[in-house]
Amino acid sequence: MNAKSAGDAVEAELALLRQQINAVDDALLQLINQRAMLALKVGEVKQQEGDRPIFYRPEREVQVLKRVQEANPGPLHNEVVARLFREVMSACLAIEKPMTIAYLGPEGTFTQTAALKHFGHAVLTRPLKSIDAVFRDVAAGSADYGVVPVENSTEGVINHTLDGLVHATLKICGEVELRIHHHLMSHLADLTQIRRIYSHPQSLAQCRQWLNRHLPEVVTVEASSNAEAARLAAAEPGSAAIAGEAAALIYGLPMLMENIEDNPNNTTRFLVLGPTAVPPSGQDKTVLLLSARNKPGALFDLLEPLARHRISMTRIESRPSQQGMWDYLFFVDLEGHCDDAQLAPALAELRAEASLFKIIGSFPKAVI
């Protein structure tokens, strides 16, 4: 076969494949719109529930995502499949009831990225200046849900979030795990021209070794967020910022160095806050707020029912109660939902033993 014949054969095969792709696209379009019509009918049925029907069902979304991942034959990775279906569900929910999601801003923060990963891009995101403001916005009903950071795998817990959970009437409705990549960005041509670097304190800490190795003499300046750091660096000569890709795009900053975080597995966990409790999904987590009675062995006695009922405790954090000297509150993460047959009896015993007992939320585990 000569070169021309071979080229014609390739073009013919490509034309056939493109026709097949077009046919699949047409079928996808029909099926997605069919799903949207069903979502509209679901919304109409929910309107019959009363004055405040619940449109967003976190446990139902997780069940859908888990089901399609288990049924996924490839070659698409499960993470990609989850992202695609999340966006389809987001668009369908938006025609039932558009949602507003408050988050720790400004625009371009990792918290906004986490909010969009969890809810999809069909929601309206509202940037707020502080974690406290997110709690207040959701409690007041100005936003349907809120997203706040709670823990980083390198630097530990976010105390402002834990303190907000102590007095909040809100429930934890979900969690998001986000791999965090930090980039050095600036209008400057190279590293030697940098005189100051803006970033959030957590990000500076997560890049400490890289900064000491490559820019030990450069002044670091703390900013309220990475997005704010990018905004400052974009406006000030001689400045750079450590932030995420979203901030680089929003503020038009070229990335001088990518992925400068010290830990390549650097991950931040975010909480989704809402006004109502979430039913079981089958793969859940429960967060408790506890205080032990003032007696010898109090913490052991408090947690003993968990061990006896074979409940897995995945995390425990203490915070000053602000009620007395050396008096502490404990945040405890457990496997399972508070309504589960195995967990509920243990919680009943724990409630009787604790001087303070509060279920902050039972919610689906994060989906990859």
Protein backbone atom coordinates (compact mmCIF):
# COMPACT_ATOMS: atom_id res chain seq x y z
CA MET A 1 0.00 0.00 0.00
CA ASN A 2 1.44 3.38 -0.98
CA ALA A 3 1.52 6.41 1.31
CA LYS A 4 -1.59 8.00 -0.27
CA SER A 5 -3.64 4.82 0.09
CA ALA A 6 -2.51 4.41 3.68
CA GLY A 7 -3.46 8.02 4.44
CA ASP A 8 -6.88 7.56 2.84
CA ALA A 9 -7.48 4.42 4.93
CA VAL A 10 -6.59 6.29 8.14
CA GLU A 11 -8.90 9.17 7.26
CA ALA A 12 -11.74 6.78 6.50
CA GLU A 13 -11.26 5.01 9.83
CA LEU A 14 -11.14 8.33 11.69
CA ALA A 15 -14.31 9.49 9.93
CA LEU A 16 -16.11 6.33 11.03
CA LEU A 17 -14.92 6.73 14.64
CA ARG A 18 -16.02 10.36 14.66
CA GLN A 19 -19.47 9.35 13.44
CA GLN A 20 -19.66 6.84 16.29
CA ILE A 21 -18.57 9.53 18.79
CA ASN A 22 -21.25 11.87 17.44
CA ALA A 23 -23.87 9.16 17.91
CA VAL A 24 -22.72 8.57 21.51
CA ASP A 25 -22.77 12.33 22.15
CA ASP A 26 -26.34 12.54 20.86
CA ALA A 27 -27.34 9.66 23.15
CA LEU A 28 -25.59 11.31 26.11
CA LEU A 29 -27.39 14.58 25.44
CA GLN A 30 -30.76 12.83 25.40
CA LEU A 31 -30.01 10.86 28.57
CA ILE A 32 -28.71 13.88 30.50
CA ASN A 33 -31.82 15.86 29.64
CA GLN A 34 -33.96 12.87 30.54
CA ARG A 35 -32.25 12.84 33.94
CA ALA A 36 -32.89 16.58 34.28
CA MET A 37 -36.61 16.06 33.58
CA LEU A 38 -36.73 13.41 36.29
CA ALA A 39 -34.97 15.83 38.66
CA LEU A 40 -37.67 18.41 37.94
CA LYS A 41 -40.34 15.85 38.82
CA VAL A 42 -38.46 15.01 42.04
CA GLY A 43 -38.51 18.72 42.89
CA GLU A 44 -42.25 18.89 42.30
CA VAL A 45 -42.82 15.93 44.62
CA LYS A 46 -40.60 17.48 47.30
CA GLN A 47 -42.64 20.68 47.17
CA GLN A 48 -45.48 18.65 48.64
CA GLU A 49 -43.44 17.92 51.81
CA GLY A 50 -44.24 21.28 53.42
CA ASP A 51 -42.93 24.80 53.79
CA ARG A 52 -39.20 23.90 53.76
CA PRO A 53 -38.58 20.82 51.60
CA ILE A 54 -35.03 19.42 51.58
CA PHE A 55 -33.69 19.41 48.03
CA TYR A 56 -30.05 18.57 48.65
CA ARG A 57 -29.53 15.06 50.01
CA PRO A 58 -25.83 14.40 50.74
CA GLU A 59 -26.40 10.74 51.57
CA ARG A 60 -28.22 10.16 48.28
CA GLU A 61 -25.46 11.84 46.24
CA VAL A 62 -22.78 9.69 47.88
CA GLN A 63 -24.80 6.55 47.21
CA VAL A 64 -25.05 7.49 43.52
CA LEU A 65 -21.34 8.24 43.26
CA LYS A 66 -20.35 5.00 45.00
CA ARG A 67 -22.71 3.00 42.80
CA VAL A 68 -21.37 4.39 39.52
CA GLN A 69 -17.78 3.93 40.70
CA GLU A 70 -18.46 0.29 41.56
CA ALA A 71 -20.11 -0.21 38.14
CA ASN A 72 -17.37 1.67 36.26
CA PRO A 73 -15.77 -0.67 33.65
CA GLY A 74 -13.04 1.83 32.65
CA PRO A 75 -10.94 3.09 30.98
CA LEU A 76 -11.95 6.25 32.89
CA HIS A 77 -10.59 6.36 36.44
CA ASN A 78 -13.13 6.32 39.29
CA GLU A 79 -12.11 9.84 40.33
CA VAL A 80 -12.93 11.12 36.84
CA VAL A 81 -16.26 9.28 36.82
CA ALA A 82 -17.18 10.79 40.19
CA ARG A 83 -16.31 14.28 38.97
CA LEU A 84 -18.43 13.90 35.81
CA PHE A 85 -21.45 12.57 37.69
CA ARG A 86 -21.04 15.24 40.37
CA GLU A 87 -21.39 17.93 37.70
CA VAL A 88 -24.45 16.23 36.19
CA MET A 89 -26.10 16.03 39.63
CA SER A 90 -25.13 19.64 40.34
CA ALA A 91 -26.79 20.84 37.13
CA CYS A 92 -29.91 18.77 37.79
CA LEU A 93 -30.20 20.02 41.38
CA ALA A 94 -29.83 23.61 40.17
CA ILE A 95 -33.04 23.32 38.15
CA GLU A 96 -34.81 21.90 41.22
CA LYS A 97 -33.49 24.54 43.59
CA PRO A 98 -30.39 26.74 43.00
CA MET A 99 -28.09 26.67 46.04
CA THR A 100 -25.77 29.26 47.55
CA ILE A 101 -22.59 27.96 49.20
CA ALA A 102 -20.64 30.21 51.57
CA TYR A 103 -16.90 29.63 51.84
CA LEU A 104 -13.76 31.16 53.29
CA GLY A 105 -12.76 33.64 50.59
CA PRO A 106 -11.81 35.61 48.68
CA GLU A 107 -12.35 34.05 45.26
CA GLY A 108 -9.56 31.67 44.31
CA THR A 109 -8.95 30.01 47.71
CA PHE A 110 -8.54 26.28 48.17
CA THR A 111 -11.81 26.39 50.13
CA GLN A 112 -13.65 27.55 47.02
CA THR A 113 -12.04 24.70 45.08
CA ALA A 114 -13.24 22.28 47.78
CA ALA A 115 -16.76 23.73 47.62
CA LEU A 116 -16.91 23.25 43.85
CA LYS A 117 -15.47 19.74 44.11
CA HIS A 118 -18.23 18.79 46.55
CA PHE A 119 -21.22 20.64 45.07
CA GLY A 120 -20.25 20.99 41.40
CA HIS A 121 -20.11 24.19 39.38
CA ALA A 122 -23.88 24.77 39.11
CA VAL A 123 -24.02 26.36 42.59
CA LEU A 124 -23.52 30.02 43.48
CA THR A 125 -20.45 30.40 45.70
CA ARG A 126 -20.30 33.27 48.17
CA PRO A 127 -16.81 34.29 49.43
CA LEU A 128 -16.64 35.51 53.03
CA LYS A 129 -13.80 37.09 54.99
CA SER A 130 -13.59 34.66 57.91
CA ILE A 131 -14.53 31.21 59.12
CA ASP A 132 -16.84 32.81 61.70
CA ALA A 133 -18.64 34.65 58.91
CA VAL A 134 -19.31 31.35 57.12
CA PHE A 135 -20.89 29.92 60.29
CA ARG A 136 -23.05 33.05 60.69
CA ASP A 137 -24.11 33.17 57.04
CA VAL A 138 -25.38 29.58 57.04
CA ALA A 139 -27.03 29.92 60.47
CA ALA A 140 -28.87 33.03 59.27
CA GLY A 141 -30.11 31.26 56.14
CA SER A 142 -28.24 33.61 53.80
CA ALA A 143 -26.45 30.56 52.38
CA ASP A 144 -27.74 27.01 52.08
CA TYR A 145 -24.44 25.43 53.12
CA GLY A 146 -20.94 26.52 54.07
CA VAL A 147 -17.48 25.06 53.51
CA VAL A 148 -14.57 25.63 55.92
CA PRO A 149 -11.13 24.01 56.33
CA VAL A 150 -10.68 21.84 59.41
CA GLU A 151 -7.43 19.87 59.13
CA ASN A 152 -4.23 19.70 57.10
CA SER A 153 -2.14 16.54 56.89
CA THR A 154 1.07 18.54 57.41
CA GLU A 155 0.12 21.31 59.86
CA GLY A 156 -2.78 19.77 61.78
CA VAL A 157 -6.16 21.21 62.79
CA ILE A 158 -7.63 24.64 62.05
CA ASN A 159 -8.49 25.91 65.53
CA HIS A 160 -10.88 28.63 64.32
CA THR A 161 -13.09 25.94 62.79
CA LEU A 162 -13.08 23.80 65.94
CA ASP A 163 -13.96 26.83 68.06
CA GLY A 164 -16.82 27.67 65.70
CA LEU A 165 -18.24 24.17 66.08
CA VAL A 166 -18.44 24.49 69.87
CA HIS A 167 -21.32 26.98 69.90
CA ALA A 168 -22.77 26.42 66.43
CA THR A 169 -26.29 25.12 65.94
CA LEU A 170 -25.24 23.87 62.50
CA LYS A 171 -24.52 20.26 61.61
CA ILE A 172 -21.59 18.81 59.69
CA CYS A 173 -23.24 17.49 56.52
CA GLY A 174 -20.20 16.28 54.60
CA GLU A 175 -16.46 16.43 54.17
CA VAL A 176 -14.09 17.11 51.28
CA GLU A 177 -10.50 15.95 50.96
CA LEU A 178 -8.40 18.06 48.62
CA ARG A 179 -4.80 17.42 47.58
CA ILE A 180 -3.07 20.77 48.06
CA HIS A 181 -0.42 21.93 45.60
CA HIS A 182 1.32 25.23 46.30
CA HIS A 183 2.86 27.30 43.51
CA LEU A 184 5.20 30.29 43.63
CA MET A 185 3.76 32.97 41.35
CA SER A 186 4.79 36.47 40.34
CA HIS A 187 5.10 38.94 37.48
CA LEU A 188 8.86 38.87 38.13
CA ALA A 189 11.10 37.07 35.66
CA ASP A 190 13.00 34.83 38.10
CA LEU A 191 13.58 34.00 41.76
CA THR A 192 16.49 36.42 42.21
CA GLN A 193 14.18 39.44 41.78
CA ILE A 194 11.79 38.46 44.61
CA ARG A 195 11.95 40.71 47.68
CA ARG A 196 8.86 39.50 49.60
CA ILE A 197 6.50 36.55 49.47
CA TYR A 198 2.86 36.73 50.55
CA SER A 199 0.90 33.67 51.65
CA HIS A 200 -1.40 32.28 54.32
CA PRO A 201 0.47 31.15 57.48
CA GLN A 202 -0.53 27.53 56.88
CA SER A 203 0.84 27.60 53.35
CA LEU A 204 4.09 29.20 54.46
CA ALA A 205 4.46 26.40 57.01
CA GLN A 206 3.70 23.75 54.41
CA CYS A 207 6.47 25.16 52.16
CA ARG A 208 8.98 25.98 54.92
CA GLN A 209 11.74 23.60 53.79
CA TRP A 210 11.50 24.71 50.15
CA LEU A 211 11.68 28.38 51.15
CA ASN A 212 14.67 27.80 53.43
CA ARG A 213 16.46 25.95 50.66
CA HIS A 214 15.74 28.25 47.72
CA LEU A 215 14.85 31.70 49.14
CA PRO A 216 16.28 31.89 52.66
CA GLU A 217 16.84 35.68 52.59
CA VAL A 218 13.43 36.66 51.22
CA VAL A 219 10.92 38.20 53.63
CA THR A 220 7.68 36.24 54.06
CA VAL A 221 4.48 38.16 54.85
CA GLU A 222 1.34 36.51 56.21
CA ALA A 223 -1.93 37.13 54.35
CA SER A 224 -5.50 36.31 55.32
CA SER A 225 -5.72 33.78 52.48
CA ASN A 226 -3.71 32.54 49.53
CA ALA A 227 -6.04 34.33 47.15
CA GLU A 228 -5.46 37.60 49.02
CA ALA A 229 -1.71 36.88 48.82
CA ALA A 230 -1.97 36.54 45.04
CA ARG A 231 -3.91 39.81 44.82
CA LEU A 232 -1.25 41.64 46.83
CA ALA A 233 1.61 40.15 44.82
CA ALA A 234 -0.06 41.11 41.56
CA ALA A 235 -0.22 44.75 42.66
CA GLU A 236 3.18 45.20 44.35
CA PRO A 237 6.52 45.33 42.50
CA GLY A 238 9.12 42.92 43.85
CA SER A 239 6.48 40.61 45.30
CA ALA A 240 5.50 36.99 44.82
CA ALA A 241 2.81 34.77 46.33
CA ILE A 242 2.41 31.16 47.31
CA ALA A 243 -1.08 30.07 46.27
CA GLY A 244 -3.06 27.61 44.20
CA GLU A 245 -3.64 27.45 40.47
CA ALA A 246 -7.09 29.05 40.74
CA ALA A 247 -5.61 32.18 42.34
CA ALA A 248 -2.92 32.36 39.64
CA LEU A 249 -5.61 32.37 36.94
CA ILE A 250 -7.87 34.90 38.68
CA TYR A 251 -5.10 37.42 39.39
CA GLY A 252 -3.10 36.83 36.20
CA LEU A 253 0.13 35.71 37.86
CA PRO A 254 2.56 33.46 35.99
CA MET A 255 3.76 30.46 38.02
CA LEU A 256 7.53 30.61 38.53
CA MET A 257 7.75 27.28 40.41
CA GLU A 258 5.09 24.60 40.73
CA ASN A 259 4.34 22.13 43.54
CA ILE A 260 6.70 23.61 46.13
CA GLU A 261 4.93 22.02 49.12
CA ASP A 262 7.33 20.02 51.31
CA ASN A 263 5.03 16.99 51.51
CA PRO A 264 3.90 15.66 48.09
CA ASN A 265 0.86 14.09 49.77
CA ASN A 266 -0.16 17.38 51.39
CA THR A 267 -3.96 17.19 51.84
CA THR A 268 -6.52 19.43 53.52
CA ARG A 269 -9.86 18.24 54.83
CA PHE A 270 -12.85 20.59 54.65
CA LEU A 271 -16.23 20.40 56.39
CA VAL A 272 -19.60 21.07 54.80
CA LEU A 273 -21.89 22.88 57.27
CA GLY A 274 -25.67 22.89 57.02
CA PRO A 275 -28.83 23.46 59.05
CA THR A 276 -30.13 19.88 59.29
CA ALA A 277 -28.89 16.41 60.16
CA VAL A 278 -28.09 13.92 57.39
CA PRO A 279 -29.59 10.39 57.26
CA PRO A 280 -27.24 7.37 56.96
CA SER A 281 -25.58 6.68 53.62
CA GLY A 282 -23.98 3.35 54.53
CA GLN A 283 -20.44 4.75 54.69
CA ASP A 284 -20.51 7.45 57.34
CA LYS A 285 -18.55 9.27 60.00
CA THR A 286 -19.73 10.89 63.24
CA VAL A 287 -18.14 13.85 65.05
CA LEU A 288 -18.78 14.37 68.76
CA LEU A 289 -18.05 17.25 71.12
CA LEU A 290 -17.35 15.92 74.63
CA SER A 291 -16.26 17.04 78.05
CA ALA A 292 -15.20 14.65 80.81
CA ARG A 293 -16.22 14.92 84.45
CA ASN A 294 -13.55 16.14 86.86
CA LYS A 295 -12.41 12.84 88.42
CA PRO A 296 -9.47 10.42 88.16
CA GLY A 297 -9.56 8.36 84.95
CA ALA A 298 -12.34 10.54 83.53
CA LEU A 299 -11.20 10.40 79.89
CA PHE A 300 -10.73 6.62 80.03
CA ASP A 301 -14.23 6.16 81.52
CA LEU A 302 -15.63 8.52 78.88
CA LEU A 303 -14.22 6.59 75.93
CA GLU A 304 -14.42 3.05 77.34
CA PRO A 305 -17.89 2.35 75.82
CA LEU A 306 -16.44 2.91 72.36
CA ALA A 307 -13.82 0.20 72.85
CA ARG A 308 -16.32 -2.18 74.44
CA HIS A 309 -18.74 -1.79 71.52
CA ARG A 310 -15.84 -2.08 69.05
CA ILE A 311 -16.35 1.40 67.60
CA SER A 312 -13.38 2.75 65.64
CA MET A 313 -12.24 6.18 66.85
CA THR A 314 -10.28 7.81 64.02
CA ARG A 315 -9.33 11.13 65.63
CA ILE A 316 -9.43 12.98 68.94
CA GLU A 317 -8.51 16.66 69.43
CA SER A 318 -8.63 18.80 72.56
CA ARG A 319 -9.40 22.51 72.84
CA PRO A 320 -9.54 24.78 75.92
CA SER A 321 -13.15 25.08 77.02
CA GLN A 322 -12.71 28.77 77.96
CA GLN A 323 -14.86 27.95 81.00
CA GLY A 324 -12.06 27.40 83.51
CA MET A 325 -8.33 26.95 83.93
CA TRP A 326 -7.07 23.69 82.33
CA ASP A 327 -10.60 22.63 81.41
CA TYR A 328 -10.80 21.01 77.97
CA LEU A 329 -13.30 19.97 75.33
CA PHE A 330 -12.68 16.96 73.09
CA PHE A 331 -13.57 16.53 69.43
CA VAL A 332 -13.90 12.85 68.58
CA ASP A 333 -14.31 11.33 65.09
CA LEU A 334 -15.96 7.91 64.92
CA GLU A 335 -16.65 5.42 62.14
CA GLY A 336 -20.38 5.02 61.48
CA HIS A 337 -23.61 7.01 61.70
CA CYS A 338 -25.17 7.96 65.05
CA ASP A 339 -28.32 6.03 64.05
CA ASP A 340 -26.42 2.81 63.25
CA ALA A 341 -27.43 -0.19 65.37
CA GLN A 342 -23.82 -0.74 66.49
CA LEU A 343 -22.96 2.90 67.27
CA ALA A 344 -26.20 4.12 68.90
CA PRO A 345 -25.89 2.03 72.15
CA ALA A 346 -22.27 3.17 72.63
CA LEU A 347 -23.32 6.81 72.22
CA ALA A 348 -26.10 6.35 74.79
CA GLU A 349 -23.57 5.13 77.37
CA LEU A 350 -21.14 7.88 76.46
CA ARG A 351 -23.87 10.52 76.84
CA ALA A 352 -24.57 9.28 80.39
CA GLU A 353 -20.87 9.46 81.33
CA ALA A 354 -20.01 12.86 79.78
CA SER A 355 -20.53 16.24 81.40
CA LEU A 356 -21.02 17.63 77.88
CA PHE A 357 -22.22 15.53 74.93
CA LYS A 358 -23.03 16.94 71.51
CA ILE A 359 -23.31 15.22 68.13
CA ILE A 360 -21.95 17.81 65.73
CA GLY A 361 -22.79 15.69 62.73
CA SER A 362 -23.11 12.27 61.17
CA PHE A 363 -22.31 12.50 57.48
CA PRO A 364 -21.03 10.54 54.45
CA LYS A 365 -17.30 9.99 54.17
CA ALA A 366 -15.51 11.98 51.48
CA VAL A 367 -15.70 10.56 47.96
CA ILE A 368 -12.41 10.49 46.07
